[in-house]
Amino acid sequence: MIIVNYIASVVLVVLGLYVIMTKKHLIKIVLGMSIVDYGINLFIVSTGFNEGGTAPIYKMSEFFRGSFFVDPVPQALTLTSIVIGACVDAMALSLVVKLYKQYHTTNSDEIRRLRG
């Protein structure tokens, strides 16, 4: 079951990179960056998964030799990454709005050509 998460994360990263490299519309490029971010977040969460694991909240009486816990560090890193990704997306979209106001287009080839 966990292999499906790894395959999905690779597919998301590859799809996002494809969108970033092939599209000329700036908003689509920002969406491609977001898709890459989602794929990386899925990969990080999947690395911390333990089959049959429980939450790492326990009392010493519940702790025994055969108990498995889910690693909380990847989950914390993913939460941080989600917040940072939202800020990066907001900043990128604000730059796209500024470019649109300046050049009246969101096509990256047109902006490159108008730069002069």
PDB file of N, CA and C in Angstrom:
ATOM      1  N   MET A   1       0.815  -1.199   0.000  1.00  0.00           N
ATOM      2  CA  MET A   1       0.000   0.000   0.000  1.00  0.00           C
ATOM      3  C   MET A   1       0.855   1.259   0.000  1.00  0.00           C
ATOM      4  N   ILE A   2       1.967   1.238   0.728  1.00  0.00           N
ATOM      5  CA  ILE A   2       2.813   2.424   0.814  1.00  0.00           C
ATOM      6  C   ILE A   2       3.509   2.703  -0.516  1.00  0.00           C
ATOM      7  N   ILE A   3       3.706   1.675  -1.329  1.00  0.00           N
ATOM      8  CA  ILE A   3       4.356   1.874  -2.629  1.00  0.00           C
ATOM      9  C   ILE A   3       3.510   2.769  -3.526  1.00  0.00           C
ATOM     10  N   VAL A   4       2.188   2.740  -3.339  1.00  0.00           N
ATOM     11  CA  VAL A   4       1.295   3.601  -4.118  1.00  0.00           C
ATOM     12  C   VAL A   4       1.585   5.076  -3.807  1.00  0.00           C
ATOM     13  N   ASN A   5       1.883   5.380  -2.541  1.00  0.00           N
ATOM     14  CA  ASN A   5       2.211   6.760  -2.177  1.00  0.00           C
ATOM     15  C   ASN A   5       3.491   7.218  -2.849  1.00  0.00           C
ATOM     16  N   TYR A   6       4.496   6.330  -2.893  1.00  0.00           N
ATOM     17  CA  TYR A   6       5.752   6.693  -3.539  1.00  0.00           C
ATOM     18  C   TYR A   6       5.566   6.907  -5.040  1.00  0.00           C
ATOM     19  N   ILE A   7       4.786   6.038  -5.657  1.00  0.00           N
ATOM     20  CA  ILE A   7       4.525   6.188  -7.094  1.00  0.00           C
ATOM     21  C   ILE A   7       3.755   7.481  -7.357  1.00  0.00           C
ATOM     22  N   ALA A   8       2.759   7.772  -6.523  1.00  0.00           N
ATOM     23  CA  ALA A   8       1.978   9.000  -6.699  1.00  0.00           C
ATOM     24  C   ALA A   8       2.844  10.237  -6.492  1.00  0.00           C
ATOM     25  N   SER A   9       3.765  10.193  -5.534  1.00  0.00           N
ATOM     26  CA  SER A   9       4.621  11.361  -5.319  1.00  0.00           C
ATOM     27  C   SER A   9       5.555  11.576  -6.499  1.00  0.00           C
ATOM     28  N   VAL A  10       6.079  10.512  -7.070  1.00  0.00           N
ATOM     29  CA  VAL A  10       6.939  10.654  -8.256  1.00  0.00           C
ATOM     30  C   VAL A  10       6.132  11.187  -9.430  1.00  0.00           C
ATOM     31  N   VAL A  11       4.910  10.685  -9.610  1.00  0.00           N
ATOM     32  CA  VAL A  11       4.054  11.167 -10.698  1.00  0.00           C
ATOM     33  C   VAL A  11       3.747  12.654 -10.533  1.00  0.00           C
ATOM     34  N   LEU A  12       3.448  13.082  -9.307  1.00  0.00           N
ATOM     35  CA  LEU A  12       3.160  14.501  -9.069  1.00  0.00           C
ATOM     36  C   LEU A  12       4.371  15.380  -9.351  1.00  0.00           C
ATOM     37  N   VAL A  13       5.545  14.946  -8.923  1.00  0.00           N
ATOM     38  CA  VAL A  13       6.753  15.744  -9.164  1.00  0.00           C
ATOM     39  C   VAL A  13       7.051  15.825 -10.659  1.00  0.00           C
ATOM     40  N   VAL A  14       6.951  14.700 -11.347  1.00  0.00           N
ATOM     41  CA  VAL A  14       7.219  14.693 -12.794  1.00  0.00           C
ATOM     42  C   VAL A  14       6.182  15.537 -13.542  1.00  0.00           C
ATOM     43  N   LEU A  15       4.919  15.426 -13.157  1.00  0.00           N
ATOM     44  CA  LEU A  15       3.872  16.221 -13.793  1.00  0.00           C
ATOM     45  C   LEU A  15       4.102  17.712 -13.562  1.00  0.00           C
ATOM     46  N   GLY A  16       4.454  18.080 -12.342  1.00  0.00           N
ATOM     47  CA  GLY A  16       4.724  19.481 -12.044  1.00  0.00           C
ATOM     48  C   GLY A  16       5.912  20.009 -12.815  1.00  0.00           C
ATOM     49  N   LEU A  17       6.990  19.227 -12.908  1.00  0.00           N
ATOM     50  CA  LEU A  17       8.151  19.662 -13.686  1.00  0.00           C
ATOM     51  C   LEU A  17       7.822  19.779 -15.172  1.00  0.00           C
ATOM     52  N   TYR A  18       6.987  18.864 -15.671  1.00  0.00           N
ATOM     53  CA  TYR A  18       6.548  18.946 -17.064  1.00  0.00           C
ATOM     54  C   TYR A  18       5.795  20.248 -17.316  1.00  0.00           C
ATOM     55  N   VAL A  19       4.895  20.599 -16.403  1.00  0.00           N
ATOM     56  CA  VAL A  19       4.117  21.835 -16.557  1.00  0.00           C
ATOM     57  C   VAL A  19       5.042  23.050 -16.503  1.00  0.00           C
ATOM     58  N   ILE A  20       5.999  23.042 -15.580  1.00  0.00           N
ATOM     59  CA  ILE A  20       6.915  24.178 -15.449  1.00  0.00           C
ATOM     60  C   ILE A  20       7.746  24.363 -16.714  1.00  0.00           C
ATOM     61  N   MET A  21       8.201  23.263 -17.306  1.00  0.00           N
ATOM     62  CA  MET A  21       9.105  23.385 -18.449  1.00  0.00           C
ATOM     63  C   MET A  21       8.398  23.602 -19.780  1.00  0.00           C
ATOM     64  N   THR A  22       7.147  23.180 -19.911  1.00  0.00           N
ATOM     65  CA  THR A  22       6.516  23.254 -21.231  1.00  0.00           C
ATOM     66  C   THR A  22       5.520  24.393 -21.386  1.00  0.00           C
ATOM     67  N   LYS A  23       4.953  24.885 -20.322  1.00  0.00           N
ATOM     68  CA  LYS A  23       3.920  25.917 -20.429  1.00  0.00           C
ATOM     69  C   LYS A  23       4.544  27.302 -20.454  1.00  0.00           C
ATOM     70  N   LYS A  24       3.897  28.223 -21.142  1.00  0.00           N
ATOM     71  CA  LYS A  24       4.364  29.601 -21.244  1.00  0.00           C
ATOM     72  C   LYS A  24       3.528  30.565 -20.419  1.00  0.00           C
ATOM     73  N   HIS A  25       2.352  30.131 -19.986  1.00  0.00           N
ATOM     74  CA  HIS A  25       1.464  30.974 -19.194  1.00  0.00           C
ATOM     75  C   HIS A  25       1.972  30.986 -17.755  1.00  0.00           C
ATOM     76  N   LEU A  26       2.190  32.153 -17.184  1.00  0.00           N
ATOM     77  CA  LEU A  26       2.828  32.260 -15.876  1.00  0.00           C
ATOM     78  C   LEU A  26       2.003  31.638 -14.754  1.00  0.00           C
ATOM     79  N   ILE A  27       0.691  31.727 -14.822  1.00  0.00           N
ATOM     80  CA  ILE A  27      -0.139  31.128 -13.777  1.00  0.00           C
ATOM     81  C   ILE A  27      -0.035  29.604 -13.826  1.00  0.00           C
ATOM     82  N   LYS A  28       0.056  29.033 -15.010  1.00  0.00           N
ATOM     83  CA  LYS A  28       0.238  27.588 -15.129  1.00  0.00           C
ATOM     84  C   LYS A  28       1.593  27.163 -14.573  1.00  0.00           C
ATOM     85  N   ILE A  29       2.596  27.994 -14.743  1.00  0.00           N
ATOM     86  CA  ILE A  29       3.916  27.694 -14.181  1.00  0.00           C
ATOM     87  C   ILE A  29       3.855  27.698 -12.652  1.00  0.00           C
ATOM     88  N   VAL A  30       3.133  28.649 -12.082  1.00  0.00           N
ATOM     89  CA  VAL A  30       2.973  28.689 -10.622  1.00  0.00           C
ATOM     90  C   VAL A  30       2.204  27.458 -10.145  1.00  0.00           C
ATOM     91  N   LEU A  31       1.189  27.039 -10.880  1.00  0.00           N
ATOM     92  CA  LEU A  31       0.460  25.816 -10.516  1.00  0.00           C
ATOM     93  C   LEU A  31       1.367  24.589 -10.607  1.00  0.00           C
ATOM     94  N   GLY A  32       2.257  24.563 -11.584  1.00  0.00           N
ATOM     95  CA  GLY A  32       3.226  23.470 -11.685  1.00  0.00           C
ATOM     96  C   GLY A  32       4.156  23.427 -10.483  1.00  0.00           C
ATOM     97  N   MET A  33       4.562  24.601 -10.003  1.00  0.00           N
ATOM     98  CA  MET A  33       5.382  24.659  -8.786  1.00  0.00           C
ATOM     99  C   MET A  33       4.620  24.093  -7.594  1.00  0.00           C
ATOM    100  N   SER A  34       3.330  24.391  -7.517  1.00  0.00           N
ATOM    101  CA  SER A  34       2.507  23.866  -6.417  1.00  0.00           C
ATOM    102  C   SER A  34       2.375  22.350  -6.501  1.00  0.00           C
ATOM    103  N   ILE A  35       2.231  21.820  -7.695  1.00  0.00           N
ATOM    104  CA  ILE A  35       2.108  20.367  -7.870  1.00  0.00           C
ATOM    105  C   ILE A  35       3.393  19.670  -7.439  1.00  0.00           C
ATOM    106  N   VAL A  36       4.541  20.247  -7.765  1.00  0.00           N
ATOM    107  CA  VAL A  36       5.815  19.685  -7.309  1.00  0.00           C
ATOM    108  C   VAL A  36       5.874  19.685  -5.783  1.00  0.00           C
ATOM    109  N   ASP A  37       5.421  20.776  -5.183  1.00  0.00           N
ATOM    110  CA  ASP A  37       5.414  20.887  -3.726  1.00  0.00           C
ATOM    111  C   ASP A  37       4.531  19.813  -3.099  1.00  0.00           C
ATOM    112  N   TYR A  38       3.363  19.571  -3.681  1.00  0.00           N
ATOM    113  CA  TYR A  38       2.461  18.535  -3.161  1.00  0.00           C
ATOM    114  C   TYR A  38       3.095  17.149  -3.268  1.00  0.00           C
ATOM    115  N   GLY A  39       3.778  16.891  -4.368  1.00  0.00           N
ATOM    116  CA  GLY A  39       4.445  15.602  -4.531  1.00  0.00           C
ATOM    117  C   GLY A  39       5.542  15.385  -3.505  1.00  0.00           C
ATOM    118  N   ILE A  40       6.315  16.429  -3.231  1.00  0.00           N
ATOM    119  CA  ILE A  40       7.380  16.315  -2.233  1.00  0.00           C
ATOM    120  C   ILE A  40       6.785  16.125  -0.840  1.00  0.00           C
ATOM    121  N   ASN A  41       5.703  16.841  -0.535  1.00  0.00           N
ATOM    122  CA  ASN A  41       5.046  16.666   0.767  1.00  0.00           C
ATOM    123  C   ASN A  41       4.523  15.244   0.941  1.00  0.00           C
ATOM    124  N   LEU A  42       3.939  14.680  -0.107  1.00  0.00           N
ATOM    125  CA  LEU A  42       3.453  13.297  -0.037  1.00  0.00           C
ATOM    126  C   LEU A  42       4.602  12.333   0.204  1.00  0.00           C
ATOM    127  N   PHE A  43       5.733  12.581  -0.431  1.00  0.00           N
ATOM    128  CA  PHE A  43       6.892  11.717  -0.236  1.00  0.00           C
ATOM    129  C   PHE A  43       7.406  11.801   1.201  1.00  0.00           C
ATOM    130  N   ILE A  44       7.481  13.016   1.748  1.00  0.00           N
ATOM    131  CA  ILE A  44       7.982  13.173   3.121  1.00  0.00           C
ATOM    132  C   ILE A  44       7.065  12.482   4.120  1.00  0.00           C
ATOM    133  N   VAL A  45       5.751  12.644   3.952  1.00  0.00           N
ATOM    134  CA  VAL A  45       4.818  11.988   4.874  1.00  0.00           C
ATOM    135  C   VAL A  45       4.905  10.473   4.733  1.00  0.00           C
ATOM    136  N   SER A  46       5.099   9.990   3.523  1.00  0.00           N
ATOM    137  CA  SER A  46       5.168   8.546   3.299  1.00  0.00           C
ATOM    138  C   SER A  46       6.408   7.926   3.929  1.00  0.00           C
ATOM    139  N   THR A  47       7.492   8.684   4.024  1.00  0.00           N
ATOM    140  CA  THR A  47       8.697   8.124   4.639  1.00  0.00           C
ATOM    141  C   THR A  47       8.515   7.895   6.131  1.00  0.00           C
ATOM    142  N   GLY A  48       7.662   8.667   6.783  1.00  0.00           N
ATOM    143  CA  GLY A  48       7.454   8.515   8.214  1.00  0.00           C
ATOM    144  C   GLY A  48       6.396   7.498   8.584  1.00  0.00           C
ATOM    145  N   PHE A  49       5.766   6.873   7.585  1.00  0.00           N
ATOM    146  CA  PHE A  49       4.688   5.924   7.851  1.00  0.00           C
ATOM    147  C   PHE A  49       5.251   4.594   8.331  1.00  0.00           C
ATOM    148  N   ASN A  50       4.617   4.009   9.327  1.00  0.00           N
ATOM    149  CA  ASN A  50       4.957   2.691   9.844  1.00  0.00           C
ATOM    150  C   ASN A  50       3.709   1.826   9.805  1.00  0.00           C
ATOM    151  N   GLU A  51       3.768   0.717   9.113  1.00  0.00           N
ATOM    152  CA  GLU A  51       2.616  -0.181   9.037  1.00  0.00           C
ATOM    153  C   GLU A  51       2.278  -0.703  10.424  1.00  0.00           C
ATOM    154  N   GLY A  52       1.055  -0.465  10.855  1.00  0.00           N
ATOM    155  CA  GLY A  52       0.635  -0.892  12.180  1.00  0.00           C
ATOM    156  C   GLY A  52       1.093   0.029  13.297  1.00  0.00           C
ATOM    157  N   GLY A  53       1.653   1.173  12.935  1.00  0.00           N
ATOM    158  CA  GLY A  53       2.146   2.104  13.941  1.00  0.00           C
ATOM    159  C   GLY A  53       1.027   2.921  14.553  1.00  0.00           C
ATOM    160  N   THR A  54       1.278   3.415  15.742  1.00  0.00           N
ATOM    161  CA  THR A  54       0.308   4.253  16.442  1.00  0.00           C
ATOM    162  C   THR A  54       0.910   5.633  16.658  1.00  0.00           C
ATOM    163  N   ALA A  55       0.120   6.524  17.181  1.00  0.00           N
ATOM    164  CA  ALA A  55       0.597   7.868  17.480  1.00  0.00           C
ATOM    165  C   ALA A  55       1.684   7.802  18.556  1.00  0.00           C
ATOM    166  N   PRO A  56       2.685   8.659  18.484  1.00  0.00           N
ATOM    167  CA  PRO A  56       3.781   8.596  19.451  1.00  0.00           C
ATOM    168  C   PRO A  56       3.435   9.245  20.794  1.00  0.00           C
ATOM    169  N   ILE A  57       2.202   9.093  21.230  1.00  0.00           N
ATOM    170  CA  ILE A  57       1.767   9.592  22.531  1.00  0.00           C
ATOM    171  C   ILE A  57       1.457   8.366  23.379  1.00  0.00           C
ATOM    172  N   TYR A  58       2.223   8.159  24.410  1.00  0.00           N
ATOM    173  CA  TYR A  58       2.057   6.941  25.196  1.00  0.00           C
ATOM    174  C   TYR A  58       2.522   7.183  26.632  1.00  0.00           C
ATOM    175  N   LYS A  59       2.106   6.285  27.500  1.00  0.00           N
ATOM    176  CA  LYS A  59       2.593   6.242  28.875  1.00  0.00           C
ATOM    177  C   LYS A  59       3.619   5.129  28.960  1.00  0.00           C
ATOM    178  N   MET A  60       4.433   5.166  29.941  1.00  0.00           N
ATOM    179  CA  MET A  60       5.460   4.128  30.076  1.00  0.00           C
ATOM    180  C   MET A  60       4.842   2.748  30.277  1.00  0.00           C
ATOM    181  N   SER A  61       3.641   2.683  30.846  1.00  0.00           N
ATOM    182  CA  SER A  61       2.994   1.381  31.033  1.00  0.00           C
ATOM    183  C   SER A  61       2.517   0.801  29.702  1.00  0.00           C
ATOM    184  N   GLU A  62       2.275   1.660  28.699  1.00  0.00           N
ATOM    185  CA  GLU A  62       1.834   1.195  27.384  1.00  0.00           C
ATOM    186  C   GLU A  62       3.004   0.833  26.477  1.00  0.00           C
ATOM    187  N   PHE A  63       4.191   1.206  26.858  1.00  0.00           N
ATOM    188  CA  PHE A  63       5.367   0.974  26.019  1.00  0.00           C
ATOM    189  C   PHE A  63       5.902  -0.437  26.255  1.00  0.00           C
ATOM    190  N   PHE A  64       5.978  -1.223  25.179  1.00  0.00           N
ATOM    191  CA  PHE A  64       6.537  -2.558  25.281  1.00  0.00           C
ATOM    192  C   PHE A  64       7.412  -2.814  24.060  1.00  0.00           C
ATOM    193  N   ARG A  65       8.130  -3.900  24.076  1.00  0.00           N
ATOM    194  CA  ARG A  65       9.185  -4.155  23.098  1.00  0.00           C
ATOM    195  C   ARG A  65       8.675  -4.206  21.654  1.00  0.00           C
ATOM    196  N   GLY A  66       7.517  -4.723  21.404  1.00  0.00           N
ATOM    197  CA  GLY A  66       7.027  -4.887  20.046  1.00  0.00           C
ATOM    198  C   GLY A  66       6.183  -3.742  19.536  1.00  0.00           C
ATOM    199  N   SER A  67       6.162  -2.626  20.220  1.00  0.00           N
ATOM    200  CA  SER A  67       5.296  -1.517  19.792  1.00  0.00           C
ATOM    201  C   SER A  67       5.968  -0.695  18.706  1.00  0.00           C
ATOM    202  N   PHE A  68       5.166  -0.253  17.754  1.00  0.00           N
ATOM    203  CA  PHE A  68       5.652   0.563  16.647  1.00  0.00           C
ATOM    204  C   PHE A  68       4.971   1.921  16.704  1.00  0.00           C
ATOM    205  N   PHE A  69       5.729   2.964  16.483  1.00  0.00           N
ATOM    206  CA  PHE A  69       5.184   4.315  16.487  1.00  0.00           C
ATOM    207  C   PHE A  69       5.473   4.980  15.150  1.00  0.00           C
ATOM    208  N   VAL A  70       4.587   5.849  14.760  1.00  0.00           N
ATOM    209  CA  VAL A  70       4.778   6.635  13.546  1.00  0.00           C
ATOM    210  C   VAL A  70       5.720   7.779  13.890  1.00  0.00           C
ATOM    211  N   ASP A  71       6.687   8.033  13.023  1.00  0.00           N
ATOM    212  CA  ASP A  71       7.668   9.091  13.257  1.00  0.00           C
ATOM    213  C   ASP A  71       6.995  10.455  13.088  1.00  0.00           C
ATOM    214  N   PRO A  72       6.984  11.312  14.104  1.00  0.00           N
ATOM    215  CA  PRO A  72       6.304  12.610  13.997  1.00  0.00           C
ATOM    216  C   PRO A  72       7.124  13.678  13.282  1.00  0.00           C
ATOM    217  N   VAL A  73       8.423  13.461  13.091  1.00  0.00           N
ATOM    218  CA  VAL A  73       9.268  14.492  12.483  1.00  0.00           C
ATOM    219  C   VAL A  73       8.872  14.767  11.030  1.00  0.00           C
ATOM    220  N   PRO A  74       8.659  13.756  10.169  1.00  0.00           N
ATOM    221  CA  PRO A  74       8.219  14.068   8.806  1.00  0.00           C
ATOM    222  C   PRO A  74       6.880  14.804   8.750  1.00  0.00           C
ATOM    223  N   GLN A  75       5.992  14.501   9.687  1.00  0.00           N
ATOM    224  CA  GLN A  75       4.716  15.205   9.712  1.00  0.00           C
ATOM    225  C   GLN A  75       4.915  16.673  10.063  1.00  0.00           C
ATOM    226  N   ALA A  76       5.795  16.949  11.013  1.00  0.00           N
ATOM    227  CA  ALA A  76       6.076  18.334  11.381  1.00  0.00           C
ATOM    228  C   ALA A  76       6.766  19.076  10.232  1.00  0.00           C
ATOM    229  N   LEU A  77       7.689  18.399   9.562  1.00  0.00           N
ATOM    230  CA  LEU A  77       8.353  19.020   8.408  1.00  0.00           C
ATOM    231  C   LEU A  77       7.358  19.303   7.288  1.00  0.00           C
ATOM    232  N   THR A  78       6.411  18.408   7.086  1.00  0.00           N
ATOM    233  CA  THR A  78       5.413  18.607   6.041  1.00  0.00           C
ATOM    234  C   THR A  78       4.492  19.771   6.376  1.00  0.00           C
ATOM    235  N   LEU A  79       4.092  19.901   7.629  1.00  0.00           N
ATOM    236  CA  LEU A  79       3.270  21.056   8.011  1.00  0.00           C
ATOM    237  C   LEU A  79       4.013  22.363   7.758  1.00  0.00           C
ATOM    238  N   THR A  80       5.291  22.387   8.092  1.00  0.00           N
ATOM    239  CA  THR A  80       6.100  23.572   7.823  1.00  0.00           C
ATOM    240  C   THR A  80       6.212  23.819   6.323  1.00  0.00           C
ATOM    241  N   SER A  81       6.389  22.755   5.566  1.00  0.00           N
ATOM    242  CA  SER A  81       6.509  22.880   4.111  1.00  0.00           C
ATOM    243  C   SER A  81       5.215  23.378   3.475  1.00  0.00           C
ATOM    244  N   ILE A  82       4.080  22.970   4.003  1.00  0.00           N
ATOM    245  CA  ILE A  82       2.794  23.435   3.478  1.00  0.00           C
ATOM    246  C   ILE A  82       2.654  24.936   3.674  1.00  0.00           C
ATOM    247  N   VAL A  83       3.035  25.422   4.852  1.00  0.00           N
ATOM    248  CA  VAL A  83       2.944  26.861   5.120  1.00  0.00           C
ATOM    249  C   VAL A  83       3.895  27.635   4.227  1.00  0.00           C
ATOM    250  N   ILE A  84       5.118  27.150   4.086  1.00  0.00           N
ATOM    251  CA  ILE A  84       6.092  27.829   3.234  1.00  0.00           C
ATOM    252  C   ILE A  84       5.637  27.786   1.779  1.00  0.00           C
ATOM    253  N   GLY A  85       5.082  26.657   1.342  1.00  0.00           N
ATOM    254  CA  GLY A  85       4.601  26.543  -0.034  1.00  0.00           C
ATOM    255  C   GLY A  85       3.455  27.504  -0.325  1.00  0.00           C
ATOM    256  N   ALA A  86       2.563  27.684   0.641  1.00  0.00           N
ATOM    257  CA  ALA A  86       1.463  28.637   0.451  1.00  0.00           C
ATOM    258  C   ALA A  86       2.000  30.061   0.331  1.00  0.00           C
ATOM    259  N   CYS A  87       3.005  30.384   1.124  1.00  0.00           N
ATOM    260  CA  CYS A  87       3.601  31.731   1.034  1.00  0.00           C
ATOM    261  C   CYS A  87       4.322  31.933  -0.293  1.00  0.00           C
ATOM    262  N   VAL A  88       5.029  30.921  -0.750  1.00  0.00           N
ATOM    263  CA  VAL A  88       5.723  31.018  -2.044  1.00  0.00           C
ATOM    264  C   VAL A  88       4.718  31.162  -3.176  1.00  0.00           C
ATOM    265  N   ASP A  89       3.618  30.413  -3.121  1.00  0.00           N
ATOM    266  CA  ASP A  89       2.579  30.531  -4.148  1.00  0.00           C
ATOM    267  C   ASP A  89       1.955  31.923  -4.152  1.00  0.00           C
ATOM    268  N   ALA A  90       1.689  32.454  -2.968  1.00  0.00           N
ATOM    269  CA  ALA A  90       1.108  33.799  -2.883  1.00  0.00           C
ATOM    270  C   ALA A  90       2.078  34.840  -3.445  1.00  0.00           C
ATOM    271  N   MET A  91       3.356  34.702  -3.121  1.00  0.00           N
ATOM    272  CA  MET A  91       4.353  35.651  -3.628  1.00  0.00           C
ATOM    273  C   MET A  91       4.490  35.535  -5.147  1.00  0.00           C
ATOM    274  N   ALA A  92       4.514  34.311  -5.658  1.00  0.00           N
ATOM    275  CA  ALA A  92       4.633  34.117  -7.101  1.00  0.00           C
ATOM    276  C   ALA A  92       3.416  34.676  -7.839  1.00  0.00           C
ATOM    277  N   LEU A  93       2.230  34.454  -7.285  1.00  0.00           N
ATOM    278  CA  LEU A  93       1.027  34.985  -7.930  1.00  0.00           C
ATOM    279  C   LEU A  93       0.986  36.510  -7.861  1.00  0.00           C
ATOM    280  N   SER A  94       1.502  37.100  -6.785  1.00  0.00           N
ATOM    281  CA  SER A  94       1.550  38.566  -6.737  1.00  0.00           C
ATOM    282  C   SER A  94       2.537  39.114  -7.764  1.00  0.00           C
ATOM    283  N   LEU A  95       3.628  38.391  -7.997  1.00  0.00           N
ATOM    284  CA  LEU A  95       4.552  38.804  -9.051  1.00  0.00           C
ATOM    285  C   LEU A  95       3.916  38.675 -10.436  1.00  0.00           C
ATOM    286  N   VAL A  96       3.104  37.648 -10.637  1.00  0.00           N
ATOM    287  CA  VAL A  96       2.399  37.492 -11.911  1.00  0.00           C
ATOM    288  C   VAL A  96       1.426  38.658 -12.120  1.00  0.00           C
ATOM    289  N   VAL A  97       0.739  39.068 -11.054  1.00  0.00           N
ATOM    290  CA  VAL A  97      -0.182  40.212 -11.162  1.00  0.00           C
ATOM    291  C   VAL A  97       0.586  41.474 -11.516  1.00  0.00           C
ATOM    292  N   LYS A  98       1.737  41.691 -10.886  1.00  0.00           N
ATOM    293  CA  LYS A  98       2.564  42.866 -11.202  1.00  0.00           C
ATOM    294  C   LYS A  98       3.049  42.824 -12.652  1.00  0.00           C
ATOM    295  N   LEU A  99       3.461  41.651 -13.113  1.00  0.00           N
ATOM    296  CA  LEU A  99       3.894  41.530 -14.505  1.00  0.00           C
ATOM    297  C   LEU A  99       2.742  41.782 -15.466  1.00  0.00           C
ATOM    298  N   TYR A 100       1.564  41.324 -15.104  1.00  0.00           N
ATOM    299  CA  TYR A 100       0.406  41.571 -15.965  1.00  0.00           C
ATOM    300  C   TYR A 100       0.080  43.057 -16.041  1.00  0.00           C
ATOM    301  N   LYS A 101       0.164  43.748 -14.907  1.00  0.00           N
ATOM    302  CA  LYS A 101      -0.096  45.188 -14.915  1.00  0.00           C
ATOM    303  C   LYS A 101       0.952  45.938 -15.726  1.00  0.00           C
ATOM    304  N   GLN A 102       2.190  45.461 -15.691  1.00  0.00           N
ATOM    305  CA  GLN A 102       3.268  46.140 -16.410  1.00  0.00           C
ATOM    306  C   GLN A 102       3.226  45.863 -17.915  1.00  0.00           C
ATOM    307  N   TYR A 103       3.055  44.574 -18.293  1.00  0.00           N
ATOM    308  CA  TYR A 103       3.179  44.177 -19.696  1.00  0.00           C
ATOM    309  C   TYR A 103       1.855  43.808 -20.352  1.00  0.00           C
ATOM    310  N   HIS A 104       0.773  43.731 -19.628  1.00  0.00           N
ATOM    311  CA  HIS A 104      -0.563  43.379 -20.138  1.00  0.00           C
ATOM    312  C   HIS A 104      -0.613  41.996 -20.788  1.00  0.00           C
ATOM    313  N   THR A 105       0.200  41.083 -20.294  1.00  0.00           N
ATOM    314  CA  THR A 105       0.189  39.702 -20.750  1.00  0.00           C
ATOM    315  C   THR A 105       0.780  38.806 -19.664  1.00  0.00           C
ATOM    316  N   THR A 106       0.409  37.536 -19.695  1.00  0.00           N
ATOM    317  CA  THR A 106       1.004  36.571 -18.776  1.00  0.00           C
ATOM    318  C   THR A 106       1.796  35.505 -19.522  1.00  0.00           C
ATOM    319  N   ASN A 107       2.070  35.737 -20.790  1.00  0.00           N
ATOM    320  CA  ASN A 107       2.877  34.831 -21.587  1.00  0.00           C
ATOM    321  C   ASN A 107       4.352  35.169 -21.353  1.00  0.00           C
ATOM    322  N   SER A 108       5.128  34.187 -20.919  1.00  0.00           N
ATOM    323  CA  SER A 108       6.524  34.458 -20.575  1.00  0.00           C
ATOM    324  C   SER A 108       7.356  34.829 -21.801  1.00  0.00           C
ATOM    325  N   ASP A 109       7.035  34.294 -22.977  1.00  0.00           N
ATOM    326  CA  ASP A 109       7.775  34.669 -24.189  1.00  0.00           C
ATOM    327  C   ASP A 109       7.522  36.124 -24.569  1.00  0.00           C
ATOM    328  N   GLU A 110       6.295  36.564 -24.420  1.00  0.00           N
ATOM    329  CA  GLU A 110       5.971  37.968 -24.726  1.00  0.00           C
ATOM    330  C   GLU A 110       6.668  38.918 -23.769  1.00  0.00           C
ATOM    331  N   ILE A 111       6.710  38.585 -22.504  1.00  0.00           N
ATOM    332  CA  ILE A 111       7.376  39.456 -21.528  1.00  0.00           C
ATOM    333  C   ILE A 111       8.862  39.514 -21.815  1.00  0.00           C
ATOM    334  N   ARG A 112       9.468  38.397 -22.196  1.00  0.00           N
ATOM    335  CA  ARG A 112      10.880  38.373 -22.537  1.00  0.00           C
ATOM    336  C   ARG A 112      11.146  39.243 -23.766  1.00  0.00           C
ATOM    337  N   ARG A 113      10.234  39.192 -24.744  1.00  0.00           N
ATOM    338  CA  ARG A 113      10.415  39.962 -25.962  1.00  0.00           C
ATOM    339  C   ARG A 113      10.194  41.456 -25.716  1.00  0.00           C
ATOM    340  N   LEU A 114       9.244  41.835 -24.847  1.00  0.00           N
ATOM    341  CA  LEU A 114       8.962  43.228 -24.569  1.00  0.00           C
ATOM    342  C   LEU A 114      10.008  43.893 -23.686  1.00  0.00           C
ATOM    343  N   ARG A 115      10.808  43.098 -23.017  1.00  0.00           N
ATOM    344  CA  ARG A 115      11.790  43.661 -22.094  1.00  0.00           C
ATOM    345  C   ARG A 115      12.774  44.567 -22.801  1.00  0.00           C
ATOM    346  N   GLY A 116      13.124  44.236 -24.034  1.00  0.00           N
ATOM    347  CA  GLY A 116      13.926  45.107 -24.873  1.00  0.00           C
ATOM    348  C   GLY A 116      15.336  45.144 -24.494  1.00  0.00           C
TER     349      GLY A 116
END
